[in-house]
PDB file of N, CA and C in Angstrom:
ATOM      1  N   GLN A   1    -103.571 -48.640 -64.371  1.00  0.00           N
ATOM      2  CA  GLN A   1    -103.543 -47.181 -64.354  1.00  0.00           C
ATOM      3  C   GLN A   1    -102.223 -46.717 -64.961  1.00  0.00           C
ATOM      4  N   VAL A   2    -102.319 -45.899 -66.006  1.00  0.00           N
ATOM      5  CA  VAL A   2    -101.112 -45.416 -66.658  1.00  0.00           C
ATOM      6  C   VAL A   2    -100.375 -44.444 -65.743  1.00  0.00           C
ATOM      7  N   GLN A   3     -99.061 -44.525 -65.756  1.00  0.00           N
ATOM      8  CA  GLN A   3     -98.199 -43.570 -65.057  1.00  0.00           C
ATOM      9  C   GLN A   3     -97.206 -43.007 -66.058  1.00  0.00           C
ATOM     10  N   LEU A   4     -97.006 -41.691 -66.010  1.00  0.00           N
ATOM     11  CA  LEU A   4     -96.230 -40.997 -67.028  1.00  0.00           C
ATOM     12  C   LEU A   4     -95.246 -40.049 -66.350  1.00  0.00           C
ATOM     13  N   VAL A   5     -93.999 -40.082 -66.812  1.00  0.00           N
ATOM     14  CA  VAL A   5     -92.982 -39.163 -66.296  1.00  0.00           C
ATOM     15  C   VAL A   5     -92.323 -38.483 -67.482  1.00  0.00           C
ATOM     16  N   GLU A   6     -92.633 -37.193 -67.647  1.00  0.00           N
ATOM     17  CA  GLU A   6     -92.080 -36.408 -68.746  1.00  0.00           C
ATOM     18  C   GLU A   6     -90.812 -35.676 -68.282  1.00  0.00           C
ATOM     19  N   SER A   7     -89.885 -35.491 -69.210  1.00  0.00           N
ATOM     20  CA  SER A   7     -88.651 -34.762 -68.901  1.00  0.00           C
ATOM     21  C   SER A   7     -88.072 -34.181 -70.180  1.00  0.00           C
ATOM     22  N   GLY A   8     -87.081 -33.314 -70.020  1.00  0.00           N
ATOM     23  CA  GLY A   8     -86.354 -32.795 -71.170  1.00  0.00           C
ATOM     24  C   GLY A   8     -86.681 -31.361 -71.540  1.00  0.00           C
ATOM     25  N   GLY A   9     -87.642 -30.760 -70.863  1.00  0.00           N
ATOM     26  CA  GLY A   9     -87.967 -29.377 -71.167  1.00  0.00           C
ATOM     27  C   GLY A   9     -86.892 -28.421 -70.685  1.00  0.00           C
ATOM     28  N   GLY A  10     -87.092 -27.139 -70.996  1.00  0.00           N
ATOM     29  CA  GLY A  10     -86.135 -26.134 -70.564  1.00  0.00           C
ATOM     30  C   GLY A  10     -86.361 -24.820 -71.277  1.00  0.00           C
ATOM     31  N   LEU A  11     -85.390 -23.927 -71.102  1.00  0.00           N
ATOM     32  CA  LEU A  11     -85.428 -22.612 -71.743  1.00  0.00           C
ATOM     33  C   LEU A  11     -84.520 -22.653 -72.964  1.00  0.00           C
ATOM     34  N   VAL A  12     -85.040 -22.252 -74.096  1.00  0.00           N
ATOM     35  CA  VAL A  12     -84.273 -22.291 -75.337  1.00  0.00           C
ATOM     36  C   VAL A  12     -84.597 -21.050 -76.159  1.00  0.00           C
ATOM     37  N   GLN A  13     -83.648 -20.611 -76.958  1.00  0.00           N
ATOM     38  CA  GLN A  13     -83.870 -19.450 -77.807  1.00  0.00           C
ATOM     39  C   GLN A  13     -84.636 -19.846 -79.075  1.00  0.00           C
ATOM     40  N   VAL A  14     -85.224 -18.852 -79.704  1.00  0.00           N
ATOM     41  CA  VAL A  14     -85.921 -19.082 -80.968  1.00  0.00           C
ATOM     42  C   VAL A  14     -84.979 -19.781 -81.959  1.00  0.00           C
ATOM     43  N   GLY A  15     -85.514 -20.810 -82.610  1.00  0.00           N
ATOM     44  CA  GLY A  15     -84.721 -21.571 -83.563  1.00  0.00           C
ATOM     45  C   GLY A  15     -83.982 -22.742 -82.965  1.00  0.00           C
ATOM     46  N   GLY A  16     -84.008 -22.842 -81.653  1.00  0.00           N
ATOM     47  CA  GLY A  16     -83.307 -23.925 -80.975  1.00  0.00           C
ATOM     48  C   GLY A  16     -84.076 -25.234 -80.995  1.00  0.00           C
ATOM     49  N   SER A  17     -83.492 -26.231 -80.330  1.00  0.00           N
ATOM     50  CA  SER A  17     -84.059 -27.580 -80.312  1.00  0.00           C
ATOM     51  C   SER A  17     -84.108 -28.128 -78.891  1.00  0.00           C
ATOM     52  N   LEU A  18     -85.052 -29.007 -78.663  1.00  0.00           N
ATOM     53  CA  LEU A  18     -85.159 -29.765 -77.423  1.00  0.00           C
ATOM     54  C   LEU A  18     -85.679 -31.160 -77.752  1.00  0.00           C
ATOM     55  N   ARG A  19     -85.313 -32.124 -76.913  1.00  0.00           N
ATOM     56  CA  ARG A  19     -85.841 -33.479 -77.043  1.00  0.00           C
ATOM     57  C   ARG A  19     -86.528 -33.863 -75.740  1.00  0.00           C
ATOM     58  N   LEU A  20     -87.813 -34.087 -75.832  1.00  0.00           N
ATOM     59  CA  LEU A  20     -88.583 -34.488 -74.666  1.00  0.00           C
ATOM     60  C   LEU A  20     -88.676 -36.010 -74.593  1.00  0.00           C
ATOM     61  N   SER A  21     -88.741 -36.525 -73.363  1.00  0.00           N
ATOM     62  CA  SER A  21     -88.910 -37.958 -73.142  1.00  0.00           C
ATOM     63  C   SER A  21     -90.086 -38.188 -72.209  1.00  0.00           C
ATOM     64  N   CYS A  22     -90.733 -39.325 -72.373  1.00  0.00           N
ATOM     65  CA  CYS A  22     -91.842 -39.700 -71.501  1.00  0.00           C
ATOM     66  C   CYS A  22     -91.730 -41.192 -71.224  1.00  0.00           C
ATOM     67  N   VAL A  23     -91.481 -41.527 -69.982  1.00  0.00           N
ATOM     68  CA  VAL A  23     -91.411 -42.930 -69.578  1.00  0.00           C
ATOM     69  C   VAL A  23     -92.790 -43.358 -69.099  1.00  0.00           C
ATOM     70  N   VAL A  24     -93.265 -44.456 -69.649  1.00  0.00           N
ATOM     71  CA  VAL A  24     -94.632 -44.926 -69.417  1.00  0.00           C
ATOM     72  C   VAL A  24     -94.615 -46.229 -68.625  1.00  0.00           C
ATOM     73  N   SER A  25     -95.477 -46.332 -67.635  1.00  0.00           N
ATOM     74  CA  SER A  25     -95.622 -47.572 -66.881  1.00  0.00           C
ATOM     75  C   SER A  25     -97.091 -47.777 -66.541  1.00  0.00           C
ATOM     76  N   GLY A  26     -97.411 -48.974 -66.076  1.00  0.00           N
ATOM     77  CA  GLY A  26     -98.781 -49.270 -65.670  1.00  0.00           C
ATOM     78  C   GLY A  26     -99.673 -49.787 -66.770  1.00  0.00           C
ATOM     79  N   ILE A  27     -99.186 -49.799 -68.001  1.00  0.00           N
ATOM     80  CA  ILE A  27     -99.950 -50.313 -69.130  1.00  0.00           C
ATOM     81  C   ILE A  27     -99.019 -51.150 -69.997  1.00  0.00           C
ATOM     82  N   ILE A  28     -99.601 -51.899 -70.925  1.00  0.00           N
ATOM     83  CA  ILE A  28     -98.777 -52.623 -71.898  1.00  0.00           C
ATOM     84  C   ILE A  28     -98.451 -51.631 -73.006  1.00  0.00           C
ATOM     85  N   PHE A  29     -97.252 -51.072 -72.926  1.00  0.00           N
ATOM     86  CA  PHE A  29     -96.871 -49.953 -73.794  1.00  0.00           C
ATOM     87  C   PHE A  29     -96.977 -50.318 -75.270  1.00  0.00           C
ATOM     88  N   THR A  30     -96.574 -51.534 -75.609  1.00  0.00           N
ATOM     89  CA  THR A  30     -96.438 -51.891 -77.019  1.00  0.00           C
ATOM     90  C   THR A  30     -97.767 -51.970 -77.759  1.00  0.00           C
ATOM     91  N   ILE A  31     -98.888 -52.055 -77.043  1.00  0.00           N
ATOM     92  CA  ILE A  31    -100.168 -52.167 -77.736  1.00  0.00           C
ATOM     93  C   ILE A  31    -100.958 -50.864 -77.705  1.00  0.00           C
ATOM     94  N   ASN A  32    -100.317 -49.808 -77.206  1.00  0.00           N
ATOM     95  CA  ASN A  32    -100.992 -48.521 -77.099  1.00  0.00           C
ATOM     96  C   ASN A  32    -100.428 -47.488 -78.049  1.00  0.00           C
ATOM     97  N   ASP A  33    -101.338 -46.754 -78.693  1.00  0.00           N
ATOM     98  CA  ASP A  33    -100.940 -45.549 -79.406  1.00  0.00           C
ATOM     99  C   ASP A  33    -100.661 -44.467 -78.365  1.00  0.00           C
ATOM    100  N   MET A  34     -99.708 -43.585 -78.679  1.00  0.00           N
ATOM    101  CA  MET A  34     -99.320 -42.551 -77.717  1.00  0.00           C
ATOM    102  C   MET A  34     -99.309 -41.177 -78.387  1.00  0.00           C
ATOM    103  N   GLY A  35     -99.394 -40.149 -77.547  1.00  0.00           N
ATOM    104  CA  GLY A  35     -99.375 -38.799 -78.091  1.00  0.00           C
ATOM    105  C   GLY A  35     -98.714 -37.809 -77.166  1.00  0.00           C
ATOM    106  N   TRP A  36     -98.283 -36.710 -77.744  1.00  0.00           N
ATOM    107  CA  TRP A  36     -97.781 -35.567 -76.983  1.00  0.00           C
ATOM    108  C   TRP A  36     -98.809 -34.441 -77.083  1.00  0.00           C
ATOM    109  N   TYR A  37     -99.110 -33.848 -75.946  1.00  0.00           N
ATOM    110  CA  TYR A  37    -100.033 -32.735 -75.827  1.00  0.00           C
ATOM    111  C   TYR A  37     -99.250 -31.543 -75.279  1.00  0.00           C
ATOM    112  N   ARG A  38     -99.833 -30.356 -75.415  1.00  0.00           N
ATOM    113  CA  ARG A  38     -99.242 -29.198 -74.757  1.00  0.00           C
ATOM    114  C   ARG A  38    -100.338 -28.241 -74.308  1.00  0.00           C
ATOM    115  N   GLN A  39    -100.012 -27.479 -73.269  1.00  0.00           N
ATOM    116  CA  GLN A  39    -100.946 -26.482 -72.758  1.00  0.00           C
ATOM    117  C   GLN A  39    -100.198 -25.196 -72.488  1.00  0.00           C
ATOM    118  N   ALA A  40    -100.549 -24.186 -73.258  1.00  0.00           N
ATOM    119  CA  ALA A  40     -99.954 -22.867 -73.073  1.00  0.00           C
ATOM    120  C   ALA A  40    -100.765 -22.094 -72.036  1.00  0.00           C
ATOM    121  N   PRO A  41    -100.163 -21.073 -71.416  1.00  0.00           N
ATOM    122  CA  PRO A  41    -100.890 -20.292 -70.406  1.00  0.00           C
ATOM    123  C   PRO A  41    -102.182 -19.716 -70.967  1.00  0.00           C
ATOM    124  N   GLY A  42    -103.286 -19.938 -70.246  1.00  0.00           N
ATOM    125  CA  GLY A  42    -104.569 -19.395 -70.648  1.00  0.00           C
ATOM    126  C   GLY A  42    -105.244 -20.107 -71.801  1.00  0.00           C
ATOM    127  N   LYS A  43    -104.665 -21.230 -72.239  1.00  0.00           N
ATOM    128  CA  LYS A  43    -105.239 -21.960 -73.380  1.00  0.00           C
ATOM    129  C   LYS A  43    -105.571 -23.394 -72.986  1.00  0.00           C
ATOM    130  N   GLN A  44    -106.406 -24.022 -73.800  1.00  0.00           N
ATOM    131  CA  GLN A  44    -106.739 -25.421 -73.562  1.00  0.00           C
ATOM    132  C   GLN A  44    -105.587 -26.312 -74.004  1.00  0.00           C
ATOM    133  N   ARG A  45    -105.540 -27.483 -73.390  1.00  0.00           N
ATOM    134  CA  ARG A  45    -104.545 -28.460 -73.797  1.00  0.00           C
ATOM    135  C   ARG A  45    -104.851 -28.930 -75.216  1.00  0.00           C
ATOM    136  N   GLU A  46    -103.794 -29.062 -76.043  1.00  0.00           N
ATOM    137  CA  GLU A  46    -103.984 -29.482 -77.428  1.00  0.00           C
ATOM    138  C   GLU A  46    -103.051 -30.651 -77.741  1.00  0.00           C
ATOM    139  N   LEU A  47    -103.504 -31.489 -78.655  1.00  0.00           N
ATOM    140  CA  LEU A  47    -102.716 -32.629 -79.104  1.00  0.00           C
ATOM    141  C   LEU A  47    -101.817 -32.178 -80.244  1.00  0.00           C
ATOM    142  N   VAL A  48    -100.511 -32.444 -80.136  1.00  0.00           N
ATOM    143  CA  VAL A  48     -99.597 -31.953 -81.176  1.00  0.00           C
ATOM    144  C   VAL A  48     -98.988 -33.072 -82.019  1.00  0.00           C
ATOM    145  N   ALA A  49     -98.885 -34.272 -81.471  1.00  0.00           N
ATOM    146  CA  ALA A  49     -98.273 -35.358 -82.238  1.00  0.00           C
ATOM    147  C   ALA A  49     -98.746 -36.702 -81.695  1.00  0.00           C
ATOM    148  N   THR A  50     -98.929 -37.652 -82.597  1.00  0.00           N
ATOM    149  CA  THR A  50     -99.321 -38.999 -82.194  1.00  0.00           C
ATOM    150  C   THR A  50     -98.464 -40.033 -82.904  1.00  0.00           C
ATOM    151  N   ILE A  51     -98.355 -41.203 -82.268  1.00  0.00           N
ATOM    152  CA  ILE A  51     -97.652 -42.320 -82.881  1.00  0.00           C
ATOM    153  C   ILE A  51     -98.409 -43.593 -82.535  1.00  0.00           C
ATOM    154  N   THR A  52     -98.704 -44.388 -83.554  1.00  0.00           N
ATOM    155  CA  THR A  52     -99.434 -45.630 -83.304  1.00  0.00           C
ATOM    156  C   THR A  52     -98.486 -46.695 -82.767  1.00  0.00           C
ATOM    157  N   LYS A  53     -99.073 -47.801 -82.320  1.00  0.00           N
ATOM    158  CA  LYS A  53     -98.246 -48.903 -81.835  1.00  0.00           C
ATOM    159  C   LYS A  53     -97.359 -49.438 -82.952  1.00  0.00           C
ATOM    160  N   GLY A  54     -97.752 -49.229 -84.188  1.00  0.00           N
ATOM    161  CA  GLY A  54     -96.961 -49.669 -85.335  1.00  0.00           C
ATOM    162  C   GLY A  54     -95.984 -48.632 -85.850  1.00  0.00           C
ATOM    163  N   GLY A  55     -95.974 -47.445 -85.227  1.00  0.00           N
ATOM    164  CA  GLY A  55     -95.003 -46.424 -85.597  1.00  0.00           C
ATOM    165  C   GLY A  55     -95.486 -45.389 -86.609  1.00  0.00           C
ATOM    166  N   VAL A  56     -96.762 -45.391 -86.930  1.00  0.00           N
ATOM    167  CA  VAL A  56     -97.296 -44.378 -87.847  1.00  0.00           C
ATOM    168  C   VAL A  56     -97.496 -43.071 -87.073  1.00  0.00           C
ATOM    169  N   THR A  57     -97.024 -41.971 -87.634  1.00  0.00           N
ATOM    170  CA  THR A  57     -97.054 -40.690 -86.935  1.00  0.00           C
ATOM    171  C   THR A  57     -98.020 -39.712 -87.591  1.00  0.00           C
ATOM    172  N   ASN A  58     -98.467 -38.754 -86.784  1.00  0.00           N
ATOM    173  CA  ASN A  58     -99.330 -37.688 -87.279  1.00  0.00           C
ATOM    174  C   ASN A  58     -99.063 -36.441 -86.453  1.00  0.00           C
ATOM    175  N   TYR A  59     -99.227 -35.260 -87.065  1.00  0.00           N
ATOM    176  CA  TYR A  59     -98.857 -34.014 -86.402  1.00  0.00           C
ATOM    177  C   TYR A  59     -99.911 -32.929 -86.614  1.00  0.00           C
ATOM    178  N   ALA A  60    -100.024 -32.056 -85.632  1.00  0.00           N
ATOM    179  CA  ALA A  60    -100.815 -30.859 -85.810  1.00  0.00           C
ATOM    180  C   ALA A  60    -100.125 -29.973 -86.840  1.00  0.00           C
ATOM    181  N   ASP A  61    -100.921 -29.203 -87.578  1.00  0.00           N
ATOM    182  CA  ASP A  61    -100.348 -28.352 -88.614  1.00  0.00           C
ATOM    183  C   ASP A  61     -99.316 -27.382 -88.049  1.00  0.00           C
ATOM    184  N   SER A  62     -99.527 -26.950 -86.814  1.00  0.00           N
ATOM    185  CA  SER A  62     -98.645 -25.943 -86.210  1.00  0.00           C
ATOM    186  C   SER A  62     -97.232 -26.458 -85.962  1.00  0.00           C
ATOM    187  N   VAL A  63     -97.034 -27.781 -85.922  1.00  0.00           N
ATOM    188  CA  VAL A  63     -95.706 -28.329 -85.621  1.00  0.00           C
ATOM    189  C   VAL A  63     -95.173 -29.207 -86.744  1.00  0.00           C
ATOM    190  N   LYS A  64     -95.970 -29.421 -87.776  1.00  0.00           N
ATOM    191  CA  LYS A  64     -95.569 -30.313 -88.866  1.00  0.00           C
ATOM    192  C   LYS A  64     -94.297 -29.804 -89.518  1.00  0.00           C
ATOM    193  N   GLY A  65     -93.358 -30.714 -89.728  1.00  0.00           N
ATOM    194  CA  GLY A  65     -92.087 -30.348 -90.332  1.00  0.00           C
ATOM    195  C   GLY A  65     -91.038 -29.882 -89.343  1.00  0.00           C
ATOM    196  N   ARG A  66     -91.437 -29.618 -88.107  1.00  0.00           N
ATOM    197  CA  ARG A  66     -90.493 -29.168 -87.072  1.00  0.00           C
ATOM    198  C   ARG A  66     -90.347 -30.164 -85.931  1.00  0.00           C
ATOM    199  N   PHE A  67     -91.413 -30.871 -85.607  1.00  0.00           N
ATOM    200  CA  PHE A  67     -91.415 -31.836 -84.500  1.00  0.00           C
ATOM    201  C   PHE A  67     -91.435 -33.252 -85.051  1.00  0.00           C
ATOM    202  N   THR A  68     -90.791 -34.164 -84.322  1.00  0.00           N
ATOM    203  CA  THR A  68     -90.796 -35.576 -84.682  1.00  0.00           C
ATOM    204  C   THR A  68     -91.073 -36.406 -83.445  1.00  0.00           C
ATOM    205  N   ILE A  69     -92.112 -37.225 -83.510  1.00  0.00           N
ATOM    206  CA  ILE A  69     -92.437 -38.133 -82.413  1.00  0.00           C
ATOM    207  C   ILE A  69     -91.875 -39.509 -82.735  1.00  0.00           C
ATOM    208  N   SER A  70     -91.364 -40.188 -81.713  1.00  0.00           N
ATOM    209  CA  SER A  70     -90.838 -41.536 -81.906  1.00  0.00           C
ATOM    210  C   SER A  70     -91.051 -42.314 -80.611  1.00  0.00           C
ATOM    211  N   ARG A  71     -90.812 -43.614 -80.677  1.00  0.00           N
ATOM    212  CA  ARG A  71     -91.000 -44.443 -79.498  1.00  0.00           C
ATOM    213  C   ARG A  71     -89.950 -45.542 -79.465  1.00  0.00           C
ATOM    214  N   ASP A  72     -89.588 -45.948 -78.251  1.00  0.00           N
ATOM    215  CA  ASP A  72     -88.673 -47.061 -78.031  1.00  0.00           C
ATOM    216  C   ASP A  72     -89.424 -48.068 -77.158  1.00  0.00           C
ATOM    217  N   ASN A  73     -89.940 -49.116 -77.784  1.00  0.00           N
ATOM    218  CA  ASN A  73     -90.768 -50.072 -77.049  1.00  0.00           C
ATOM    219  C   ASN A  73     -89.968 -50.847 -76.002  1.00  0.00           C
ATOM    220  N   ALA A  74     -88.676 -51.000 -76.222  1.00  0.00           N
ATOM    221  CA  ALA A  74     -87.839 -51.700 -75.241  1.00  0.00           C
ATOM    222  C   ALA A  74     -87.675 -50.896 -73.957  1.00  0.00           C
ATOM    223  N   LYS A  75     -87.829 -49.575 -74.065  1.00  0.00           N
ATOM    224  CA  LYS A  75     -87.642 -48.694 -72.904  1.00  0.00           C
ATOM    225  C   LYS A  75     -88.963 -48.114 -72.411  1.00  0.00           C
ATOM    226  N   ASN A  76     -90.083 -48.520 -73.018  1.00  0.00           N
ATOM    227  CA  ASN A  76     -91.399 -47.961 -72.652  1.00  0.00           C
ATOM    228  C   ASN A  76     -91.360 -46.429 -72.668  1.00  0.00           C
ATOM    229  N   THR A  77     -90.760 -45.870 -73.690  1.00  0.00           N
ATOM    230  CA  THR A  77     -90.541 -44.426 -73.744  1.00  0.00           C
ATOM    231  C   THR A  77     -90.988 -43.866 -75.085  1.00  0.00           C
ATOM    232  N   VAL A  78     -91.613 -42.701 -75.017  1.00  0.00           N
ATOM    233  CA  VAL A  78     -91.963 -41.961 -76.221  1.00  0.00           C
ATOM    234  C   VAL A  78     -91.216 -40.636 -76.194  1.00  0.00           C
ATOM    235  N   TYR A  79     -90.758 -40.195 -77.355  1.00  0.00           N
ATOM    236  CA  TYR A  79     -89.933 -38.991 -77.464  1.00  0.00           C
ATOM    237  C   TYR A  79     -90.621 -37.950 -78.346  1.00  0.00           C
ATOM    238  N   LEU A  80     -90.222 -36.699 -78.150  1.00  0.00           N
ATOM    239  CA  LEU A  80     -90.632 -35.627 -79.047  1.00  0.00           C
ATOM    240  C   LEU A  80     -89.411 -34.766 -79.326  1.00  0.00           C
ATOM    241  N   GLN A  81     -88.898 -34.872 -80.542  1.00  0.00           N
ATOM    242  CA  GLN A  81     -87.795 -34.020 -80.988  1.00  0.00           C
ATOM    243  C   GLN A  81     -88.389 -32.740 -81.551  1.00  0.00           C
ATOM    244  N   MET A  82     -88.003 -31.607 -80.983  1.00  0.00           N
ATOM    245  CA  MET A  82     -88.565 -30.322 -81.387  1.00  0.00           C
ATOM    246  C   MET A  82     -87.451 -29.454 -81.935  1.00  0.00           C
ATOM    247  N   ASN A  83     -87.557 -29.090 -83.196  1.00  0.00           N
ATOM    248  CA  ASN A  83     -86.575 -28.242 -83.862  1.00  0.00           C
ATOM    249  C   ASN A  83     -87.223 -26.939 -84.301  1.00  0.00           C
ATOM    250  N   SER A  84     -86.390 -25.964 -84.625  1.00  0.00           N
ATOM    251  CA  SER A  84     -86.875 -24.657 -85.114  1.00  0.00           C
ATOM    252  C   SER A  84     -87.963 -24.104 -84.198  1.00  0.00           C
ATOM    253  N   LEU A  85     -87.689 -24.100 -82.920  1.00  0.00           N
ATOM    254  CA  LEU A  85     -88.697 -23.701 -81.946  1.00  0.00           C
ATOM    255  C   LEU A  85     -89.056 -22.228 -82.074  1.00  0.00           C
ATOM    256  N   LYS A  86     -90.334 -21.953 -81.802  1.00  0.00           N
ATOM    257  CA  LYS A  86     -90.889 -20.607 -81.906  1.00  0.00           C
ATOM    258  C   LYS A  86     -91.454 -20.196 -80.540  1.00  0.00           C
ATOM    259  N   PRO A  87     -91.607 -18.901 -80.300  1.00  0.00           N
ATOM    260  CA  PRO A  87     -92.195 -18.469 -79.020  1.00  0.00           C
ATOM    261  C   PRO A  87     -93.565 -19.103 -78.763  1.00  0.00           C
ATOM    262  N   GLU A  88     -94.339 -19.329 -79.802  1.00  0.00           N
ATOM    263  CA  GLU A  88     -95.673 -19.922 -79.627  1.00  0.00           C
ATOM    264  C   GLU A  88     -95.629 -21.398 -79.252  1.00  0.00           C
ATOM    265  N   ASP A  89     -94.463 -22.000 -79.248  1.00  0.00           N
ATOM    266  CA  ASP A  89     -94.321 -23.372 -78.759  1.00  0.00           C
ATOM    267  C   ASP A  89     -94.195 -23.420 -77.234  1.00  0.00           C
ATOM    268  N   THR A  90     -94.072 -22.262 -76.605  1.00  0.00           N
ATOM    269  CA  THR A  90     -93.971 -22.211 -75.150  1.00  0.00           C
ATOM    270  C   THR A  90     -95.217 -22.799 -74.511  1.00  0.00           C
ATOM    271  N   ALA A  91     -95.017 -23.806 -73.664  1.00  0.00           N
ATOM    272  CA  ALA A  91     -96.148 -24.523 -73.052  1.00  0.00           C
ATOM    273  C   ALA A  91     -95.599 -25.577 -72.104  1.00  0.00           C
ATOM    274  N   VAL A  92     -96.497 -26.160 -71.337  1.00  0.00           N
ATOM    275  CA  VAL A  92     -96.169 -27.379 -70.603  1.00  0.00           C
ATOM    276  C   VAL A  92     -96.557 -28.547 -71.511  1.00  0.00           C
ATOM    277  N   TYR A  93     -95.624 -29.471 -71.685  1.00  0.00           N
ATOM    278  CA  TYR A  93     -95.821 -30.605 -72.590  1.00  0.00           C
ATOM    279  C   TYR A  93     -96.079 -31.863 -71.777  1.00  0.00           C
ATOM    280  N   TYR A  94     -97.073 -32.624 -72.233  1.00  0.00           N
ATOM    281  CA  TYR A  94     -97.488 -33.861 -71.583  1.00  0.00           C
ATOM    282  C   TYR A  94     -97.573 -34.977 -72.614  1.00  0.00           C
ATOM    283  N   CYS A  95     -97.378 -36.202 -72.157  1.00  0.00           N
ATOM    284  CA  CYS A  95     -97.691 -37.340 -73.023  1.00  0.00           C
ATOM    285  C   CYS A  95     -98.853 -38.107 -72.407  1.00  0.00           C
ATOM    286  N   ASN A  96     -99.512 -38.908 -73.223  1.00  0.00           N
ATOM    287  CA  ASN A  96    -100.571 -39.775 -72.717  1.00  0.00           C
ATOM    288  C   ASN A  96    -100.976 -40.758 -73.792  1.00  0.00           C
ATOM    289  N   LYS A  97    -101.878 -41.657 -73.436  1.00  0.00           N
ATOM    290  CA  LYS A  97    -102.384 -42.646 -74.371  1.00  0.00           C
ATOM    291  C   LYS A  97    -103.262 -41.958 -75.409  1.00  0.00           C
ATOM    292  N   ILE A  98    -103.413 -42.648 -76.526  1.00  0.00           N
ATOM    293  CA  ILE A  98    -104.370 -42.248 -77.550  1.00  0.00           C
ATOM    294  C   ILE A  98    -105.280 -43.443 -77.818  1.00  0.00           C
ATOM    295  N   PRO A  99    -106.579 -43.361 -77.601  1.00  0.00           N
ATOM    296  CA  PRO A  99    -107.265 -42.221 -77.012  1.00  0.00           C
ATOM    297  C   PRO A  99    -107.038 -42.155 -75.508  1.00  0.00           C
ATOM    298  N   LYS A 100    -107.128 -40.940 -74.975  1.00  0.00           N
ATOM    299  CA  LYS A 100    -107.025 -40.772 -73.528  1.00  0.00           C
ATOM    300  C   LYS A 100    -108.430 -40.887 -72.931  1.00  0.00           C
ATOM    301  N   HIS A 101    -108.605 -41.793 -71.987  1.00  0.00           N
ATOM    302  CA  HIS A 101    -109.878 -41.958 -71.302  1.00  0.00           C
ATOM    303  C   HIS A 101    -109.929 -41.052 -70.078  1.00  0.00           C
ATOM    304  N   TRP A 102    -111.120 -40.801 -69.558  1.00  0.00           N
ATOM    305  CA  TRP A 102    -111.265 -39.852 -68.442  1.00  0.00           C
ATOM    306  C   TRP A 102    -110.494 -40.312 -67.217  1.00  0.00           C
ATOM    307  N   TYR A 103    -110.291 -41.619 -67.085  1.00  0.00           N
ATOM    308  CA  TYR A 103    -109.614 -42.150 -65.907  1.00  0.00           C
ATOM    309  C   TYR A 103    -108.097 -42.235 -66.075  1.00  0.00           C
ATOM    310  N   ASP A 104    -107.576 -41.875 -67.226  1.00  0.00           N
ATOM    311  CA  ASP A 104    -106.132 -41.889 -67.445  1.00  0.00           C
ATOM    312  C   ASP A 104    -105.528 -40.626 -66.851  1.00  0.00           C
ATOM    313  N   ALA A 105    -104.661 -40.800 -65.879  1.00  0.00           N
ATOM    314  CA  ALA A 105    -104.061 -39.642 -65.206  1.00  0.00           C
ATOM    315  C   ALA A 105    -103.059 -38.939 -66.114  1.00  0.00           C
ATOM    316  N   TRP A 106    -102.810 -37.680 -65.820  1.00  0.00           N
ATOM    317  CA  TRP A 106    -101.733 -36.932 -66.475  1.00  0.00           C
ATOM    318  C   TRP A 106    -100.472 -37.009 -65.623  1.00  0.00           C
ATOM    319  N   GLY A 107     -99.338 -36.903 -66.262  1.00  0.00           N
ATOM    320  CA  GLY A 107     -98.088 -36.751 -65.537  1.00  0.00           C
ATOM    321  C   GLY A 107     -97.909 -35.306 -65.121  1.00  0.00           C
ATOM    322  N   GLN A 108     -96.719 -35.001 -64.621  1.00  0.00           N
ATOM    323  CA  GLN A 108     -96.461 -33.637 -64.150  1.00  0.00           C
ATOM    324  C   GLN A 108     -96.158 -32.683 -65.303  1.00  0.00           C
ATOM    325  N   GLY A 109     -95.862 -33.230 -66.455  1.00  0.00           N
ATOM    326  CA  GLY A 109     -95.527 -32.397 -67.608  1.00  0.00           C
ATOM    327  C   GLY A 109     -94.108 -31.874 -67.513  1.00  0.00           C
ATOM    328  N   THR A 110     -93.651 -31.265 -68.610  1.00  0.00           N
ATOM    329  CA  THR A 110     -92.327 -30.646 -68.647  1.00  0.00           C
ATOM    330  C   THR A 110     -92.462 -29.301 -69.351  1.00  0.00           C
ATOM    331  N   GLN A 111     -91.921 -28.266 -68.717  1.00  0.00           N
ATOM    332  CA  GLN A 111     -92.073 -26.901 -69.217  1.00  0.00           C
ATOM    333  C   GLN A 111     -91.083 -26.626 -70.348  1.00  0.00           C
ATOM    334  N   VAL A 112     -91.600 -26.100 -71.440  1.00  0.00           N
ATOM    335  CA  VAL A 112     -90.768 -25.634 -72.551  1.00  0.00           C
ATOM    336  C   VAL A 112     -91.011 -24.134 -72.707  1.00  0.00           C
ATOM    337  N   THR A 113     -89.931 -23.371 -72.645  1.00  0.00           N
ATOM    338  CA  THR A 113     -90.020 -21.931 -72.805  1.00  0.00           C
ATOM    339  C   THR A 113     -89.089 -21.506 -73.927  1.00  0.00           C
ATOM    340  N   VAL A 114     -89.651 -20.841 -74.923  1.00  0.00           N
ATOM    341  CA  VAL A 114     -88.870 -20.376 -76.070  1.00  0.00           C
ATOM    342  C   VAL A 114     -88.790 -18.857 -75.988  1.00  0.00           C
ATOM    343  N   SER A 115     -87.583 -18.363 -75.847  1.00  0.00           N
ATOM    344  CA  SER A 115     -87.397 -16.922 -75.679  1.00  0.00           C
ATOM    345  C   SER A 115     -86.982 -16.287 -76.992  1.00  0.00           C
ATOM    346  N   SER A 116     -87.455 -15.069 -77.192  1.00  0.00           N
ATOM    347  CA  SER A 116     -87.099 -14.321 -78.395  1.00  0.00           C
ATOM    348  C   SER A 116     -86.106 -13.214 -78.032  1.00  0.00           C
TER     349      SER A 116
END
């Protein structure tokens, strides 16, 4: 059973930066693709960035060029560097496996608030 602990969120002004971290346990991290998701108030959770076990990355159009996903296999951790933040980036951010199965639990998430 995957266990996920997200951290690094906070309140930041438009144009600012944050680095999110997600420590993963309960699975063999090195053989799993991982992703960052977000859920804004009143909206469905969406996938914003993915990274394969080999380090290949992919991004939603809304964050391409501003967000960077990376992973440290020695620390079982996946990161999301977020630059040039916009008010529409305000959401709770979660990480999880790719693909996420119905039995894969979510972590508590980390709140990101971008103020204008």
